Amino acid sequence: MKRLMAAIAVLLASLPAGKLLAQEGAQNIRFGIFADPLITWFSSDTKMTVNEGSRAGFNFGVACNKYFSKNYSFSTGLSLMISGGNLHHSDTITMYFNNYTSIVNPGQVINYKLQYIDIPLGLKFESNQIGYVTFFTDAGFDPKIMINSRVDIPSLSVSKEIATREVNFFTLSYHITTGIEYSLGGNTALLLGIGYENNFIDITRDREKQPKDHIAQNIIRFRLGVNF
């Protein structure tokens, strides 16, 4: 997977805008709308911090594909992602909220509820149309800006506490999505797909009295959309 992402990065960097505009079909731009039910969970690189189950999430927005040949395009867009995860620690830690701190004992579950603005950058590969169906794969990177982060700690009666001091403002992940487009006539097509996403950058901040760990968010998405 890392080799695939590295290859995509090299390809993105090697295709300057001027060259793309000279390619056949460079003027072809397609837009779409989508809504993705999500399954999200955290993973950690240390046994001191442990995932405590998955959460449901949702991602919705608009997509744009700029074609530089018949079956290949740059993909981008803009979406609002609602996600999260659950963690517990094997040691006592201090959580830093906006107006106070809270001591969390070992094993007490911390529920994160996160919202991001997502701006994906990738490459989309499409097959030739077979009947009404076109197969596709989209792979690339997802810069995300955090716009809201809240935490629940049920055992401490903490609910929807603002936790911007506990979550990094920016994160970066890679994605790969595969699926089909079913033609509805003309350029309009129904899109169905499934994808996976994982973070390069730590989701949480490692403040004082907290373990030094790298928390990645894992996402399985079920893409439902319409392209025009």
Protein backbone atom coordinates (compact mmCIF):
# COMPACT_ATOMS: atom_id res chain seq x y z
CA MET A 1 0.00 0.00 0.00
CA LYS A 2 2.80 2.45 0.83
CA ARG A 3 4.43 1.70 -2.53
CA LEU A 4 1.14 2.43 -4.30
CA MET A 5 0.77 5.76 -2.53
CA ALA A 6 4.39 6.67 -3.32
CA ALA A 7 3.82 5.85 -7.00
CA ILE A 8 0.71 8.05 -7.09
CA ALA A 9 2.62 10.91 -5.47
CA VAL A 10 5.39 10.65 -8.08
CA LEU A 11 2.84 10.59 -10.90
CA LEU A 12 0.98 13.61 -9.53
CA ALA A 13 4.23 15.56 -9.28
CA SER A 14 5.38 14.56 -12.78
CA LEU A 15 2.33 15.90 -14.65
CA PRO A 16 2.55 19.70 -14.82
CA ALA A 17 -0.59 21.70 -15.53
CA GLY A 18 0.65 22.89 -18.92
CA LYS A 19 1.20 19.34 -20.16
CA LEU A 20 -2.20 18.25 -18.94
CA LEU A 21 -3.95 20.99 -20.86
CA ALA A 22 -2.32 19.74 -24.03
CA GLN A 23 -3.65 16.21 -23.62
CA GLU A 24 -6.72 14.89 -25.43
CA GLY A 25 -9.82 15.43 -23.35
CA ALA A 26 -8.15 17.99 -21.10
CA GLN A 27 -11.27 20.15 -21.26
CA ASN A 28 -13.47 17.33 -19.94
CA ILE A 29 -14.61 18.01 -16.39
CA ARG A 30 -17.20 15.94 -14.55
CA PHE A 31 -18.87 16.83 -11.30
CA GLY A 32 -20.70 14.65 -8.85
CA ILE A 33 -22.36 14.54 -5.47
CA PHE A 34 -21.93 11.74 -2.95
CA ALA A 35 -22.89 10.53 0.51
CA ASP A 36 -20.68 7.98 2.28
CA PRO A 37 -21.80 5.99 5.32
CA LEU A 38 -18.60 5.31 7.29
CA ILE A 39 -17.21 2.80 9.77
CA THR A 40 -14.36 4.48 11.69
CA TRP A 41 -11.97 3.32 14.38
CA PHE A 42 -8.59 4.23 15.85
CA SER A 43 -5.35 2.27 15.88
CA SER A 44 -2.29 2.92 18.02
CA ASP A 45 1.43 2.18 17.75
CA THR A 46 1.75 1.49 21.47
CA LYS A 47 0.16 -0.89 23.98
CA MET A 48 -0.30 2.03 26.38
CA THR A 49 -3.18 3.32 24.23
CA VAL A 50 -5.76 0.84 22.95
CA ASN A 51 -8.64 1.04 20.48
CA GLU A 52 -12.02 0.50 22.13
CA GLY A 53 -14.31 -0.30 19.21
CA SER A 54 -15.63 1.46 16.12
CA ARG A 55 -18.06 4.28 15.50
CA ALA A 56 -20.47 5.07 12.69
CA GLY A 57 -19.74 8.17 10.64
CA PHE A 58 -20.83 10.06 7.55
CA ASN A 59 -19.15 11.94 4.72
CA PHE A 60 -20.94 14.00 2.09
CA GLY A 61 -19.91 16.55 -0.50
CA VAL A 62 -19.08 17.23 -4.14
CA ALA A 63 -16.52 15.61 -6.42
CA CYS A 64 -14.71 16.90 -9.49
CA ASN A 65 -12.75 14.95 -12.11
CA LYS A 66 -10.43 16.64 -14.61
CA TYR A 67 -9.70 14.21 -17.47
CA PHE A 68 -6.31 14.18 -19.16
CA SER A 69 -7.17 11.10 -21.28
CA LYS A 70 -10.24 8.97 -21.91
CA ASN A 71 -9.84 6.69 -18.90
CA TYR A 72 -7.70 8.76 -16.51
CA SER A 73 -8.44 11.87 -14.51
CA PHE A 74 -7.34 13.92 -11.56
CA SER A 75 -9.92 13.68 -8.77
CA THR A 76 -10.65 16.28 -6.13
CA GLY A 77 -13.62 17.75 -4.32
CA LEU A 78 -14.85 19.08 -1.02
CA SER A 79 -16.71 17.29 1.73
CA LEU A 80 -17.71 17.39 5.38
CA MET A 81 -16.61 14.28 7.25
CA ILE A 82 -18.16 13.27 10.58
CA SER A 83 -16.07 10.54 12.20
CA GLY A 84 -14.49 9.45 15.46
CA GLY A 85 -13.17 6.64 17.56
CA ASN A 86 -12.84 5.24 21.08
CA LEU A 87 -9.66 4.85 23.15
CA HIS A 88 -8.61 3.78 26.60
CA HIS A 89 -5.21 4.04 28.29
CA SER A 90 -3.37 1.61 30.53
CA ASP A 91 -2.13 4.45 32.74
CA THR A 92 -3.69 7.50 34.36
CA ILE A 93 -3.71 10.49 32.02
CA THR A 94 -4.85 14.11 32.09
CA MET A 95 -7.30 15.33 29.44
CA TYR A 96 -7.05 19.02 28.53
CA PHE A 97 -10.37 20.60 27.69
CA ASN A 98 -10.87 24.27 26.84
CA ASN A 99 -11.82 25.38 30.34
CA TYR A 100 -10.50 22.66 32.64
CA THR A 101 -8.55 19.43 32.92
CA SER A 102 -9.83 15.99 33.87
CA ILE A 103 -8.01 12.97 35.29
CA VAL A 104 -8.84 9.77 33.40
CA ASN A 105 -8.02 6.50 35.16
CA PRO A 106 -6.74 3.35 33.42
CA GLY A 107 -9.40 1.58 31.36
CA GLN A 108 -11.86 4.49 31.27
CA VAL A 109 -13.11 4.85 27.69
CA ILE A 110 -12.71 8.17 25.85
CA ASN A 111 -15.10 8.70 22.92
CA TYR A 112 -13.93 11.14 20.24
CA LYS A 113 -16.43 12.83 17.90
CA LEU A 114 -14.65 14.63 15.07
CA GLN A 115 -15.64 16.80 12.13
CA TYR A 116 -13.30 17.64 9.24
CA ILE A 117 -13.31 19.53 5.98
CA ASP A 118 -11.81 17.03 3.51
CA ILE A 119 -10.15 18.04 0.21
CA PRO A 120 -9.11 14.80 -1.55
CA LEU A 121 -6.42 14.83 -4.23
CA GLY A 122 -6.04 11.71 -6.33
CA LEU A 123 -6.05 9.84 -9.60
CA LYS A 124 -9.06 7.99 -10.98
CA PHE A 125 -8.66 5.04 -13.35
CA GLU A 126 -11.71 3.91 -15.34
CA SER A 127 -12.40 0.92 -17.60
CA ASN A 128 -14.11 1.20 -20.94
CA GLN A 129 -17.89 1.08 -20.59
CA ILE A 130 -19.27 -2.47 -20.67
CA GLY A 131 -22.97 -2.26 -21.40
CA TYR A 132 -24.15 0.31 -18.87
CA VAL A 133 -21.30 -0.30 -16.41
CA THR A 134 -17.87 1.30 -15.96
CA PHE A 135 -15.44 0.03 -13.32
CA PHE A 136 -13.19 2.52 -11.50
CA THR A 137 -10.46 2.84 -8.90
CA ASP A 138 -9.55 6.13 -7.23
CA ALA A 139 -6.43 6.49 -5.07
CA GLY A 140 -4.73 9.50 -3.52
CA PHE A 141 -4.34 11.68 -0.46
CA ASP A 142 -6.75 13.51 1.84
CA PRO A 143 -5.66 16.72 3.55
CA LYS A 144 -8.18 17.42 6.31
CA ILE A 145 -8.86 20.46 8.49
CA MET A 146 -10.52 19.84 11.83
CA ILE A 147 -13.54 22.10 12.43
CA ASN A 148 -14.98 20.47 15.54
CA SER A 149 -13.83 17.93 18.12
CA ARG A 150 -15.76 16.78 21.15
CA VAL A 151 -15.16 14.11 23.76
CA ASP A 152 -17.40 11.93 25.89
CA ILE A 153 -16.07 10.09 28.95
CA PRO A 154 -19.14 8.22 30.23
CA SER A 155 -17.52 7.04 33.47
CA LEU A 156 -16.78 10.66 34.42
CA SER A 157 -20.11 12.07 33.18
CA VAL A 158 -18.23 14.13 30.59
CA SER A 159 -20.46 14.71 27.56
CA LYS A 160 -19.81 16.62 24.31
CA GLU A 161 -16.89 18.49 25.86
CA ILE A 162 -14.98 20.66 23.39
CA ALA A 163 -11.54 19.09 22.93
CA THR A 164 -9.68 21.19 20.39
CA ARG A 165 -6.62 21.07 22.68
CA GLU A 166 -6.59 17.27 22.39
CA VAL A 167 -6.87 16.88 18.60
CA ASN A 168 -4.51 18.09 15.87
CA PHE A 169 -5.91 20.84 13.66
CA PHE A 170 -4.56 19.27 10.44
CA THR A 171 -4.19 15.68 9.36
CA LEU A 172 -3.27 13.82 6.18
CA SER A 173 -4.37 10.39 5.03
CA TYR A 174 -4.34 8.19 1.96
CA HIS A 175 -7.39 6.61 0.36
CA ILE A 176 -8.24 3.94 -2.17
CA THR A 177 -11.78 3.47 -3.47
CA THR A 178 -13.11 1.03 -6.05
CA GLY A 179 -16.54 0.53 -7.53
CA ILE A 180 -18.81 0.90 -10.52
CA GLU A 181 -20.64 3.64 -12.39
CA TYR A 182 -23.99 2.67 -13.89
CA SER A 183 -25.00 4.89 -16.81
CA LEU A 184 -28.41 6.55 -16.56
CA GLY A 185 -28.08 8.14 -19.99
CA GLY A 186 -25.80 10.85 -21.36
CA ASN A 187 -23.12 11.82 -18.87
CA THR A 188 -25.24 10.97 -15.83
CA ALA A 189 -24.26 7.86 -13.89
CA LEU A 190 -25.08 6.27 -10.55
CA LEU A 191 -21.92 5.54 -8.55
CA LEU A 192 -21.49 2.71 -6.03
CA GLY A 193 -18.20 1.93 -4.32
CA ILE A 194 -16.26 0.86 -1.27
CA GLY A 195 -13.05 2.41 0.03
CA TYR A 196 -10.46 2.45 2.78
CA GLU A 197 -8.59 5.36 4.37
CA ASN A 198 -5.77 5.63 6.92
CA ASN A 199 -3.87 8.54 8.44
CA PHE A 200 -0.19 9.44 8.11
CA ILE A 201 -0.38 12.17 10.78
CA ASP A 202 -1.27 11.60 14.43
CA ILE A 203 -4.93 12.39 15.16
CA THR A 204 -4.40 13.31 18.81
CA ARG A 205 -1.94 15.67 20.48
CA ASP A 206 0.54 14.22 22.97
CA ARG A 207 0.43 16.73 25.78
CA GLU A 208 2.27 16.53 29.10
CA LYS A 209 1.26 13.57 31.29
CA GLN A 210 -0.01 11.74 28.21
CA PRO A 211 1.64 8.76 26.49
CA LYS A 212 3.71 9.41 23.37
CA ASP A 213 1.74 7.54 20.75
CA HIS A 214 0.64 7.75 17.13
CA ILE A 215 -3.12 7.44 16.73
CA ALA A 216 -4.34 6.71 13.21
CA GLN A 217 -7.94 6.82 12.11
CA ASN A 218 -9.08 3.90 9.95
CA ILE A 219 -12.12 4.43 7.76
CA ILE A 220 -14.18 2.10 5.61
CA ARG A 221 -16.50 4.05 3.33
CA PHE A 222 -19.49 2.94 1.28
CA ARG A 223 -19.79 5.41 -1.56
CA LEU A 224 -23.19 6.35 -2.95
CA GLY A 225 -23.25 9.10 -5.53
CA VAL A 226 -24.31 10.54 -8.86
CA ASN A 227 -21.89 11.87 -11.50
CA PHE A 228 -22.87 14.36 -14.21
